Amino acid sequence: MSELKIKGVTIVETFAEAFPMVGTRIIITAPSLEWALISARTMTGFATSVIACGAEAGIERTLTPDETPDGRPGVAVLLFTMDTEKLQRQLRNRVGQCVLTSPGSACFAGLEGEKKLKLGASLRFFGDGWQMSKLIGGRRYWRIPVMDGEFVCEATTGLTKKAVGGGNLLVLGKSHAAVLAACERAVKAISEVPGVITPFPGGIVRSGSKVGSKYKGQIASTNDAYCPTLKAAVNTELPLDVEAVLEIVIDGLTKESIAQAMRCGIHAIAEGGATQGVTHITAGNYGGNLGPHHFHLKEIIA
């Protein structure tokens, strides 16, 4: 089998296995970009994995005043779960606890679609009867009185059932510093791709997992085949000179956006070449048994 390389970095001929999700986008605005980001970061906190967090969420991008419904600085946020009911619950709780509470904030739909999720329509009851609705341009908004004025929130936002979760890249290298620097480049490049997020801390995962465990009730456990300290004790996937592995997980509104993000990520990782300590780029899969979306690295970079 021929070996693929970019600037001396080996691209392993494998695939990332991803799975269907449901997703939505909302737009948060505030008096300043700083306050819009505070609200968005709070809303997307503890949302790295549906395994334990209930949702996967992140900031898609910042918005200039001419891109937002109310002409103020804003942030686009993506939120993903495994089914519509969970998505509705997570949206209500996160907007209610983190956006409604944030000084000067407002919240708007960020996605069109025939299927809708309640946004202001579920939060309006906080107004205790003083809330008011208004129809503008065929779109309904709720005005909820709060102590610094009013919280304006669009009644609904769109839902997509074509979202994809679990796109991923695994980066192998001779040092932690080399792998981390490469992943930081990749996350920055991926952030320029519309419709995707990297939900883990800083977009990077140190604790990649495998399905199952030796312990009863534990549905996932450390991916020992990629743990450098276990190379001599397990059926390792790591060459002898690899001392660190980090993973980038990508969620997207479409499979096309995932593929584009992975392509940008691969080229950013390999940008410095093998001389900077990155040896391999590969991806995680479960033999095709986890999800129907298979992103083959060879095809991604073709």
C-alpha atoms as a PDB file:
ATOM      1  CA  MET A   1       0.000   0.000   0.000  1.00  0.00           C
ATOM      2  CA  SER A   2       1.396   3.408  -0.955  1.00  0.00           C
ATOM      3  CA  GLU A   3       2.088   5.832   1.867  1.00  0.00           C
ATOM      4  CA  LEU A   4       0.535   9.295   1.777  1.00  0.00           C
ATOM      5  CA  LYS A   5       2.626  12.183   3.085  1.00  0.00           C
ATOM      6  CA  ILE A   6       2.310  15.953   3.337  1.00  0.00           C
ATOM      7  CA  LYS A   7       5.609  17.705   4.084  1.00  0.00           C
ATOM      8  CA  GLY A   8       6.910  14.476   5.553  1.00  0.00           C
ATOM      9  CA  VAL A   9       3.895  13.920   7.822  1.00  0.00           C
ATOM     10  CA  THR A  10       2.309  10.519   7.201  1.00  0.00           C
ATOM     11  CA  ILE A  11      -1.432  10.521   6.498  1.00  0.00           C
ATOM     12  CA  VAL A  12      -2.700   7.114   7.592  1.00  0.00           C
ATOM     13  CA  GLU A  13      -5.092   5.542   5.086  1.00  0.00           C
ATOM     14  CA  THR A  14      -8.079   5.187   7.407  1.00  0.00           C
ATOM     15  CA  PHE A  15     -11.370   6.968   8.065  1.00  0.00           C
ATOM     16  CA  ALA A  16     -13.123   8.995  10.728  1.00  0.00           C
ATOM     17  CA  GLU A  17     -16.438   7.452  11.689  1.00  0.00           C
ATOM     18  CA  ALA A  18     -19.208   9.935  12.466  1.00  0.00           C
ATOM     19  CA  PHE A  19     -22.875   9.665  13.365  1.00  0.00           C
ATOM     20  CA  PRO A  20     -26.160  11.520  12.771  1.00  0.00           C
ATOM     21  CA  MET A  21     -27.171  14.306  15.143  1.00  0.00           C
ATOM     22  CA  VAL A  22     -29.793  17.028  15.286  1.00  0.00           C
ATOM     23  CA  GLY A  23     -28.613  20.598  15.518  1.00  0.00           C
ATOM     24  CA  THR A  24     -29.516  24.247  15.639  1.00  0.00           C
ATOM     25  CA  ARG A  25     -27.904  27.664  15.483  1.00  0.00           C
ATOM     26  CA  ILE A  26     -28.809  30.725  17.534  1.00  0.00           C
ATOM     27  CA  ILE A  27     -27.497  34.283  17.444  1.00  0.00           C
ATOM     28  CA  ILE A  28     -26.708  36.073  20.700  1.00  0.00           C
ATOM     29  CA  THR A  29     -26.257  39.850  20.672  1.00  0.00           C
ATOM     30  CA  ALA A  30     -25.220  42.275  23.395  1.00  0.00           C
ATOM     31  CA  PRO A  31     -24.119  45.896  23.897  1.00  0.00           C
ATOM     32  CA  SER A  32     -20.523  44.825  23.168  1.00  0.00           C
ATOM     33  CA  LEU A  33     -18.803  41.846  21.575  1.00  0.00           C
ATOM     34  CA  GLU A  34     -17.217  41.082  24.939  1.00  0.00           C
ATOM     35  CA  TRP A  35     -20.622  40.636  26.569  1.00  0.00           C
ATOM     36  CA  ALA A  36     -21.944  38.608  23.634  1.00  0.00           C
ATOM     37  CA  LEU A  37     -18.932  36.292  24.016  1.00  0.00           C
ATOM     38  CA  ILE A  38     -19.418  36.022  27.779  1.00  0.00           C
ATOM     39  CA  SER A  39     -23.009  34.917  27.231  1.00  0.00           C
ATOM     40  CA  ALA A  40     -22.071  32.482  24.457  1.00  0.00           C
ATOM     41  CA  ARG A  41     -19.174  30.945  26.390  1.00  0.00           C
ATOM     42  CA  THR A  42     -21.361  30.463  29.435  1.00  0.00           C
ATOM     43  CA  MET A  43     -24.115  28.858  27.343  1.00  0.00           C
ATOM     44  CA  THR A  44     -21.689  26.462  25.666  1.00  0.00           C
ATOM     45  CA  GLY A  45     -19.906  25.478  28.873  1.00  0.00           C
ATOM     46  CA  PHE A  46     -19.935  21.793  29.884  1.00  0.00           C
ATOM     47  CA  ALA A  47     -21.013  20.777  26.367  1.00  0.00           C
ATOM     48  CA  THR A  48     -18.110  18.722  25.058  1.00  0.00           C
ATOM     49  CA  SER A  49     -19.774  15.332  24.657  1.00  0.00           C
ATOM     50  CA  VAL A  50     -23.300  13.954  24.700  1.00  0.00           C
ATOM     51  CA  ILE A  51     -21.936  11.015  26.710  1.00  0.00           C
ATOM     52  CA  ALA A  52     -22.133  13.030  29.925  1.00  0.00           C
ATOM     53  CA  CYS A  53     -22.943  16.650  29.085  1.00  0.00           C
ATOM     54  CA  GLY A  54     -26.320  16.233  27.399  1.00  0.00           C
ATOM     55  CA  ALA A  55     -25.230  18.316  24.419  1.00  0.00           C
ATOM     56  CA  GLU A  56     -22.268  19.322  22.296  1.00  0.00           C
ATOM     57  CA  ALA A  57     -22.039  23.055  21.704  1.00  0.00           C
ATOM     58  CA  GLY A  58     -19.628  25.774  20.719  1.00  0.00           C
ATOM     59  CA  ILE A  59     -19.141  29.194  19.217  1.00  0.00           C
ATOM     60  CA  GLU A  60     -19.271  29.033  15.428  1.00  0.00           C
ATOM     61  CA  ARG A  61     -18.067  32.610  14.862  1.00  0.00           C
ATOM     62  CA  THR A  62     -18.396  36.214  15.939  1.00  0.00           C
ATOM     63  CA  LEU A  63     -20.728  38.558  14.044  1.00  0.00           C
ATOM     64  CA  THR A  64     -20.402  42.227  13.178  1.00  0.00           C
ATOM     65  CA  PRO A  65     -23.354  44.584  13.820  1.00  0.00           C
ATOM     66  CA  ASP A  66     -24.333  44.531  10.128  1.00  0.00           C
ATOM     67  CA  GLU A  67     -24.758  40.721  10.365  1.00  0.00           C
ATOM     68  CA  THR A  68     -27.159  40.655  13.326  1.00  0.00           C
ATOM     69  CA  PRO A  69     -30.927  41.255  13.494  1.00  0.00           C
ATOM     70  CA  ASP A  70     -30.662  44.167  15.955  1.00  0.00           C
ATOM     71  CA  GLY A  71     -27.512  45.830  14.616  1.00  0.00           C
ATOM     72  CA  ARG A  72     -25.370  44.997  17.650  1.00  0.00           C
ATOM     73  CA  PRO A  73     -22.243  42.834  18.027  1.00  0.00           C
ATOM     74  CA  GLY A  74     -23.094  39.155  18.171  1.00  0.00           C
ATOM     75  CA  VAL A  75     -22.018  35.535  18.296  1.00  0.00           C
ATOM     76  CA  ALA A  76     -23.343  32.502  16.395  1.00  0.00           C
ATOM     77  CA  VAL A  77     -23.640  29.385  18.557  1.00  0.00           C
ATOM     78  CA  LEU A  78     -24.210  25.796  17.381  1.00  0.00           C
ATOM     79  CA  LEU A  79     -25.871  23.191  19.594  1.00  0.00           C
ATOM     80  CA  PHE A  80     -26.116  19.443  18.876  1.00  0.00           C
ATOM     81  CA  THR A  81     -27.769  16.434  20.527  1.00  0.00           C
ATOM     82  CA  MET A  82     -28.883  12.955  19.515  1.00  0.00           C
ATOM     83  CA  ASP A  83     -32.635  13.692  19.278  1.00  0.00           C
ATOM     84  CA  THR A  84     -35.053  16.613  18.977  1.00  0.00           C
ATOM     85  CA  GLU A  85     -36.529  16.348  22.471  1.00  0.00           C
ATOM     86  CA  LYS A  86     -33.099  16.568  24.092  1.00  0.00           C
ATOM     87  CA  LEU A  87     -32.126  19.439  21.821  1.00  0.00           C
ATOM     88  CA  GLN A  88     -35.235  21.389  22.812  1.00  0.00           C
ATOM     89  CA  ARG A  89     -34.544  20.823  26.513  1.00  0.00           C
ATOM     90  CA  GLN A  90     -30.876  21.786  26.246  1.00  0.00           C
ATOM     91  CA  LEU A  91     -31.723  24.889  24.214  1.00  0.00           C
ATOM     92  CA  ARG A  92     -34.334  26.054  26.717  1.00  0.00           C
ATOM     93  CA  ASN A  93     -32.129  25.463  29.747  1.00  0.00           C
ATOM     94  CA  ARG A  94     -28.942  26.945  28.308  1.00  0.00           C
ATOM     95  CA  VAL A  95     -30.562  30.058  26.836  1.00  0.00           C
ATOM     96  CA  GLY A  96     -32.728  30.509  29.926  1.00  0.00           C
ATOM     97  CA  GLN A  97     -29.861  30.195  32.389  1.00  0.00           C
ATOM     98  CA  CYS A  98     -27.014  31.762  30.410  1.00  0.00           C
ATOM     99  CA  VAL A  99     -28.421  34.224  27.851  1.00  0.00           C
ATOM    100  CA  LEU A 100     -31.561  35.554  29.549  1.00  0.00           C
ATOM    101  CA  THR A 101     -29.414  36.215  32.640  1.00  0.00           C
ATOM    102  CA  SER A 102     -26.606  38.028  30.780  1.00  0.00           C
ATOM    103  CA  PRO A 103     -26.647  41.864  30.887  1.00  0.00           C
ATOM    104  CA  GLY A 104     -28.077  43.495  27.758  1.00  0.00           C
ATOM    105  CA  SER A 105     -28.422  40.253  25.814  1.00  0.00           C
ATOM    106  CA  ALA A 106     -30.890  39.351  23.073  1.00  0.00           C
ATOM    107  CA  CYS A 107     -31.372  36.054  21.246  1.00  0.00           C
ATOM    108  CA  PHE A 108     -32.435  35.282  17.686  1.00  0.00           C
ATOM    109  CA  ALA A 109     -32.916  32.357  15.327  1.00  0.00           C
ATOM    110  CA  GLY A 110     -29.771  31.434  13.431  1.00  0.00           C
ATOM    111  CA  LEU A 111     -31.161  28.680  11.244  1.00  0.00           C
ATOM    112  CA  GLU A 112     -34.072  28.436   8.863  1.00  0.00           C
ATOM    113  CA  GLY A 113     -36.060  25.254   8.334  1.00  0.00           C
ATOM    114  CA  GLU A 114     -39.540  23.779   8.271  1.00  0.00           C
ATOM    115  CA  LYS A 115     -38.948  22.162  11.651  1.00  0.00           C
ATOM    116  CA  LYS A 116     -38.784  24.588  14.560  1.00  0.00           C
ATOM    117  CA  LEU A 117     -37.556  24.610  18.144  1.00  0.00           C
ATOM    118  CA  LYS A 118     -39.084  26.850  20.792  1.00  0.00           C
ATOM    119  CA  LEU A 119     -36.817  29.686  21.820  1.00  0.00           C
ATOM    120  CA  GLY A 120     -38.613  32.716  23.265  1.00  0.00           C
ATOM    121  CA  ALA A 121     -41.829  30.707  23.047  1.00  0.00           C
ATOM    122  CA  SER A 122     -40.649  28.604  25.999  1.00  0.00           C
ATOM    123  CA  LEU A 123     -38.846  31.372  27.920  1.00  0.00           C
ATOM    124  CA  ARG A 124     -41.691  33.917  27.788  1.00  0.00           C
ATOM    125  CA  PHE A 125     -43.297  32.494  30.929  1.00  0.00           C
ATOM    126  CA  PHE A 126     -40.478  34.022  32.967  1.00  0.00           C
ATOM    127  CA  GLY A 127     -42.267  37.327  32.294  1.00  0.00           C
ATOM    128  CA  ASP A 128     -45.007  36.255  34.703  1.00  0.00           C
ATOM    129  CA  GLY A 129     -47.732  37.684  32.497  1.00  0.00           C
ATOM    130  CA  TRP A 130     -45.935  40.942  31.655  1.00  0.00           C
ATOM    131  CA  GLN A 131     -44.297  39.495  28.527  1.00  0.00           C
ATOM    132  CA  MET A 132     -45.406  40.835  25.137  1.00  0.00           C
ATOM    133  CA  SER A 133     -45.068  39.463  21.601  1.00  0.00           C
ATOM    134  CA  LYS A 134     -44.658  41.323  18.363  1.00  0.00           C
ATOM    135  CA  LEU A 135     -44.743  40.156  14.743  1.00  0.00           C
ATOM    136  CA  ILE A 136     -42.154  41.861  12.533  1.00  0.00           C
ATOM    137  CA  GLY A 137     -41.681  40.827   8.926  1.00  0.00           C
ATOM    138  CA  GLY A 138     -43.499  37.567   9.539  1.00  0.00           C
ATOM    139  CA  ARG A 139     -41.225  36.648  12.472  1.00  0.00           C
ATOM    140  CA  ARG A 140     -42.476  36.600  16.049  1.00  0.00           C
ATOM    141  CA  TYR A 141     -40.448  38.036  18.921  1.00  0.00           C
ATOM    142  CA  TRP A 142     -41.037  38.005  22.662  1.00  0.00           C
ATOM    143  CA  ARG A 143     -40.185  40.940  24.942  1.00  0.00           C
ATOM    144  CA  ILE A 144     -39.636  39.816  28.523  1.00  0.00           C
ATOM    145  CA  PRO A 145     -39.227  42.503  31.205  1.00  0.00           C
ATOM    146  CA  VAL A 146     -36.010  42.149  33.208  1.00  0.00           C
ATOM    147  CA  MET A 147     -34.210  44.417  35.658  1.00  0.00           C
ATOM    148  CA  ASP A 148     -31.974  46.115  33.063  1.00  0.00           C
ATOM    149  CA  GLY A 149     -34.814  46.636  30.566  1.00  0.00           C
ATOM    150  CA  GLU A 150     -36.135  43.923  28.252  1.00  0.00           C
ATOM    151  CA  PHE A 151     -34.907  40.589  27.010  1.00  0.00           C
ATOM    152  CA  VAL A 152     -35.816  40.321  23.328  1.00  0.00           C
ATOM    153  CA  CYS A 153     -35.940  36.744  22.079  1.00  0.00           C
ATOM    154  CA  GLU A 154     -37.200  35.341  18.797  1.00  0.00           C
ATOM    155  CA  ALA A 155     -40.030  32.843  19.314  1.00  0.00           C
ATOM    156  CA  THR A 156     -38.413  29.919  17.464  1.00  0.00           C
ATOM    157  CA  THR A 157     -35.277  28.830  15.660  1.00  0.00           C
ATOM    158  CA  GLY A 158     -34.731  26.271  12.922  1.00  0.00           C
ATOM    159  CA  LEU A 159     -33.760  22.637  13.396  1.00  0.00           C
ATOM    160  CA  THR A 160     -31.749  20.358  11.142  1.00  0.00           C
ATOM    161  CA  LYS A 161     -31.759  16.565  11.277  1.00  0.00           C
ATOM    162  CA  LYS A 162     -28.858  16.378   8.808  1.00  0.00           C
ATOM    163  CA  ALA A 163     -26.224  17.327  11.370  1.00  0.00           C
ATOM    164  CA  VAL A 164     -23.173  15.126  11.891  1.00  0.00           C
ATOM    165  CA  GLY A 165     -21.171  14.513  15.048  1.00  0.00           C
ATOM    166  CA  GLY A 166     -17.846  12.848  15.648  1.00  0.00           C
ATOM    167  CA  GLY A 167     -15.736  13.911  12.717  1.00  0.00           C
ATOM    168  CA  ASN A 168     -12.209  13.625  14.052  1.00  0.00           C
ATOM    169  CA  LEU A 169      -8.463  13.788  13.515  1.00  0.00           C
ATOM    170  CA  LEU A 170      -5.783  12.133  15.653  1.00  0.00           C
ATOM    171  CA  VAL A 171      -2.390  13.821  15.670  1.00  0.00           C
ATOM    172  CA  LEU A 172       0.735  11.838  16.621  1.00  0.00           C
ATOM    173  CA  GLY A 173       4.110  13.342  17.379  1.00  0.00           C
ATOM    174  CA  LYS A 174       7.483  13.126  19.067  1.00  0.00           C
ATOM    175  CA  SER A 175       6.612  15.634  21.777  1.00  0.00           C
ATOM    176  CA  HIS A 176       3.583  17.106  23.533  1.00  0.00           C
ATOM    177  CA  ALA A 177       4.630  20.624  22.471  1.00  0.00           C
ATOM    178  CA  ALA A 178       4.809  19.664  18.788  1.00  0.00           C
ATOM    179  CA  VAL A 179       1.411  17.946  18.775  1.00  0.00           C
ATOM    180  CA  LEU A 180      -0.289  20.726  20.744  1.00  0.00           C
ATOM    181  CA  ALA A 181       1.070  23.430  18.429  1.00  0.00           C
ATOM    182  CA  ALA A 182      -0.140  21.497  15.372  1.00  0.00           C
ATOM    183  CA  CYS A 183      -3.595  21.020  16.863  1.00  0.00           C
ATOM    184  CA  GLU A 184      -3.823  24.706  17.766  1.00  0.00           C
ATOM    185  CA  ARG A 185      -3.132  25.554  14.115  1.00  0.00           C
ATOM    186  CA  ALA A 186      -5.798  23.100  13.025  1.00  0.00           C
ATOM    187  CA  VAL A 187      -8.458  24.430  15.386  1.00  0.00           C
ATOM    188  CA  LYS A 188      -7.795  27.964  14.170  1.00  0.00           C
ATOM    189  CA  ALA A 189      -8.132  26.847  10.539  1.00  0.00           C
ATOM    190  CA  ILE A 190     -11.307  24.871  11.275  1.00  0.00           C
ATOM    191  CA  SER A 191     -12.857  27.909  12.991  1.00  0.00           C
ATOM    192  CA  GLU A 192     -12.940  29.621   9.580  1.00  0.00           C
ATOM    193  CA  VAL A 193     -15.201  26.894   8.156  1.00  0.00           C
ATOM    194  CA  PRO A 194     -18.936  27.759   8.310  1.00  0.00           C
ATOM    195  CA  GLY A 195     -21.297  25.389  10.073  1.00  0.00           C
ATOM    196  CA  VAL A 196     -18.862  23.526  12.333  1.00  0.00           C
ATOM    197  CA  ILE A 197     -17.571  23.583  15.898  1.00  0.00           C
ATOM    198  CA  THR A 198     -14.834  21.800  17.836  1.00  0.00           C
ATOM    199  CA  PRO A 199     -16.633  21.349  21.172  1.00  0.00           C
ATOM    200  CA  PHE A 200     -13.816  20.191  23.472  1.00  0.00           C
ATOM    201  CA  PRO A 201     -11.597  22.559  25.523  1.00  0.00           C
ATOM    202  CA  GLY A 202      -9.809  24.809  23.055  1.00  0.00           C
ATOM    203  CA  GLY A 203     -11.084  22.419  20.377  1.00  0.00           C
ATOM    204  CA  ILE A 204      -8.689  19.663  21.493  1.00  0.00           C
ATOM    205  CA  VAL A 205      -9.166  16.317  23.309  1.00  0.00           C
ATOM    206  CA  ARG A 206      -6.425  14.624  25.320  1.00  0.00           C
ATOM    207  CA  SER A 207      -8.632  11.793  26.611  1.00  0.00           C
ATOM    208  CA  GLY A 208      -9.707   9.983  23.465  1.00  0.00           C
ATOM    209  CA  SER A 209     -11.980   7.077  24.283  1.00  0.00           C
ATOM    210  CA  LYS A 210     -12.948   3.640  23.094  1.00  0.00           C
ATOM    211  CA  VAL A 211     -16.358   2.008  23.455  1.00  0.00           C
ATOM    212  CA  GLY A 212     -16.771  -0.129  26.578  1.00  0.00           C
ATOM    213  CA  SER A 213     -14.692  -0.854  29.650  1.00  0.00           C
ATOM    214  CA  LYS A 214     -13.578  -3.651  31.968  1.00  0.00           C
ATOM    215  CA  TYR A 215     -15.751  -1.993  34.611  1.00  0.00           C
ATOM    216  CA  LYS A 216     -19.492  -2.642  34.683  1.00  0.00           C
ATOM    217  CA  GLY A 217     -21.620   0.362  33.747  1.00  0.00           C
ATOM    218  CA  GLN A 218     -18.738   2.302  32.185  1.00  0.00           C
ATOM    219  CA  ILE A 219     -19.742   2.904  28.556  1.00  0.00           C
ATOM    220  CA  ALA A 220     -16.443   4.451  27.449  1.00  0.00           C
ATOM    221  CA  SER A 221     -12.853   4.260  28.622  1.00  0.00           C
ATOM    222  CA  THR A 222      -9.376   5.474  27.718  1.00  0.00           C
ATOM    223  CA  ASN A 223      -8.223   4.640  24.195  1.00  0.00           C
ATOM    224  CA  ASP A 224      -5.285   2.543  25.396  1.00  0.00           C
ATOM    225  CA  ALA A 225      -4.054   1.761  21.882  1.00  0.00           C
ATOM    226  CA  TYR A 226      -3.127   5.453  21.567  1.00  0.00           C
ATOM    227  CA  CYS A 227      -1.734   6.023  25.073  1.00  0.00           C
ATOM    228  CA  PRO A 228       2.068   6.467  24.821  1.00  0.00           C
ATOM    229  CA  THR A 229       2.688   5.222  28.368  1.00  0.00           C
ATOM    230  CA  LEU A 230       1.024   1.894  27.532  1.00  0.00           C
ATOM    231  CA  LYS A 231       2.974   1.082  24.352  1.00  0.00           C
ATOM    232  CA  ALA A 232       4.741  -1.877  25.978  1.00  0.00           C
ATOM    233  CA  ALA A 233       1.614  -3.216  27.684  1.00  0.00           C
ATOM    234  CA  VAL A 234      -1.148  -3.187  25.044  1.00  0.00           C
ATOM    235  CA  ASN A 235      -1.724  -3.804  21.354  1.00  0.00           C
ATOM    236  CA  THR A 236      -0.563  -0.291  20.547  1.00  0.00           C
ATOM    237  CA  GLU A 237      -1.187   1.714  17.380  1.00  0.00           C
ATOM    238  CA  LEU A 238       1.790   3.969  18.078  1.00  0.00           C
ATOM    239  CA  PRO A 239       5.299   3.898  16.584  1.00  0.00           C
ATOM    240  CA  LEU A 240       8.130   3.790  19.092  1.00  0.00           C
ATOM    241  CA  ASP A 241       9.079   7.447  18.620  1.00  0.00           C
ATOM    242  CA  VAL A 242       5.570   8.815  19.311  1.00  0.00           C
ATOM    243  CA  GLU A 243       5.318  10.398  22.751  1.00  0.00           C
ATOM    244  CA  ALA A 244       2.014  12.298  22.532  1.00  0.00           C
ATOM    245  CA  VAL A 245      -1.371  12.043  20.808  1.00  0.00           C
ATOM    246  CA  LEU A 246      -4.156  14.627  20.709  1.00  0.00           C
ATOM    247  CA  GLU A 247      -7.536  14.500  19.018  1.00  0.00           C
ATOM    248  CA  ILE A 248      -9.741  17.107  17.359  1.00  0.00           C
ATOM    249  CA  VAL A 249     -13.468  16.311  17.298  1.00  0.00           C
ATOM    250  CA  ILE A 250     -15.700  18.174  14.839  1.00  0.00           C
ATOM    251  CA  ASP A 251     -19.495  18.561  14.795  1.00  0.00           C
ATOM    252  CA  GLY A 252     -21.226  20.119  11.807  1.00  0.00           C
ATOM    253  CA  LEU A 253     -24.590  21.076  10.370  1.00  0.00           C
ATOM    254  CA  THR A 254     -23.837  18.966   7.253  1.00  0.00           C
ATOM    255  CA  LYS A 255     -21.469  16.173   6.265  1.00  0.00           C
ATOM    256  CA  GLU A 256     -19.977  18.497   3.638  1.00  0.00           C
ATOM    257  CA  SER A 257     -18.984  21.003   6.324  1.00  0.00           C
ATOM    258  CA  ILE A 258     -17.295  18.222   8.315  1.00  0.00           C
ATOM    259  CA  ALA A 259     -15.281  17.135   5.278  1.00  0.00           C
ATOM    260  CA  GLN A 260     -14.192  20.711   4.597  1.00  0.00           C
ATOM    261  CA  ALA A 261     -13.189  21.196   8.228  1.00  0.00           C
ATOM    262  CA  MET A 262     -11.153  17.987   8.252  1.00  0.00           C
ATOM    263  CA  ARG A 263      -9.391  19.020   5.036  1.00  0.00           C
ATOM    264  CA  CYS A 264      -8.456  22.404   6.492  1.00  0.00           C
ATOM    265  CA  GLY A 265      -7.356  20.745   9.718  1.00  0.00           C
ATOM    266  CA  ILE A 266      -5.095  18.210   8.014  1.00  0.00           C
ATOM    267  CA  HIS A 267      -3.274  20.849   5.992  1.00  0.00           C
ATOM    268  CA  ALA A 268      -2.861  23.106   9.036  1.00  0.00           C
ATOM    269  CA  ILE A 269      -1.431  20.223  11.102  1.00  0.00           C
ATOM    270  CA  ALA A 270       1.071  19.333   8.375  1.00  0.00           C
ATOM    271  CA  GLU A 271       1.976  22.969   7.697  1.00  0.00           C
ATOM    272  CA  GLY A 272       5.141  22.855   9.788  1.00  0.00           C
ATOM    273  CA  GLY A 273       6.284  19.586   8.286  1.00  0.00           C
ATOM    274  CA  ALA A 274       7.713  16.516   9.997  1.00  0.00           C
ATOM    275  CA  THR A 275      10.809  18.469  11.069  1.00  0.00           C
ATOM    276  CA  GLN A 276       8.682  20.152  13.760  1.00  0.00           C
ATOM    277  CA  GLY A 277       7.905  16.823  15.429  1.00  0.00           C
ATOM    278  CA  VAL A 278       4.525  15.726  14.050  1.00  0.00           C
ATOM    279  CA  THR A 279       4.806  12.223  12.606  1.00  0.00           C
ATOM    280  CA  HIS A 280       1.303  11.012  11.685  1.00  0.00           C
ATOM    281  CA  ILE A 281      -2.266  12.171  11.125  1.00  0.00           C
ATOM    282  CA  THR A 282      -4.907   9.471  11.520  1.00  0.00           C
ATOM    283  CA  ALA A 283      -8.549   9.194  12.613  1.00  0.00           C
ATOM    284  CA  GLY A 284     -10.727   7.222  15.009  1.00  0.00           C
ATOM    285  CA  ASN A 285     -13.294   4.672  13.935  1.00  0.00           C
ATOM    286  CA  TYR A 286     -14.982   1.551  15.213  1.00  0.00           C
ATOM    287  CA  GLY A 287     -14.795  -0.538  12.088  1.00  0.00           C
ATOM    288  CA  GLY A 288     -17.847   1.174  10.623  1.00  0.00           C
ATOM    289  CA  ASN A 289     -20.180   0.001  13.403  1.00  0.00           C
ATOM    290  CA  LEU A 290     -20.721   3.341  15.152  1.00  0.00           C
ATOM    291  CA  GLY A 291     -22.121   5.591  12.446  1.00  0.00           C
ATOM    292  CA  PRO A 292     -22.952   5.780   8.745  1.00  0.00           C
ATOM    293  CA  HIS A 293     -20.698   8.730   7.907  1.00  0.00           C
ATOM    294  CA  HIS A 294     -17.179   7.655   6.962  1.00  0.00           C
ATOM    295  CA  PHE A 295     -14.643  10.369   6.166  1.00  0.00           C
ATOM    296  CA  HIS A 296     -11.664   8.700   4.466  1.00  0.00           C
ATOM    297  CA  LEU A 297      -8.521  10.781   4.883  1.00  0.00           C
ATOM    298  CA  LYS A 298      -7.235   9.809   1.436  1.00  0.00           C
ATOM    299  CA  GLU A 299     -10.401  11.171  -0.158  1.00  0.00           C
ATOM    300  CA  ILE A 300     -10.463  14.233   2.099  1.00  0.00           C
ATOM    301  CA  ILE A 301      -7.059  15.446   0.921  1.00  0.00           C
ATOM    302  CA  ALA A 302      -7.471  14.402  -2.717  1.00  0.00           C
END
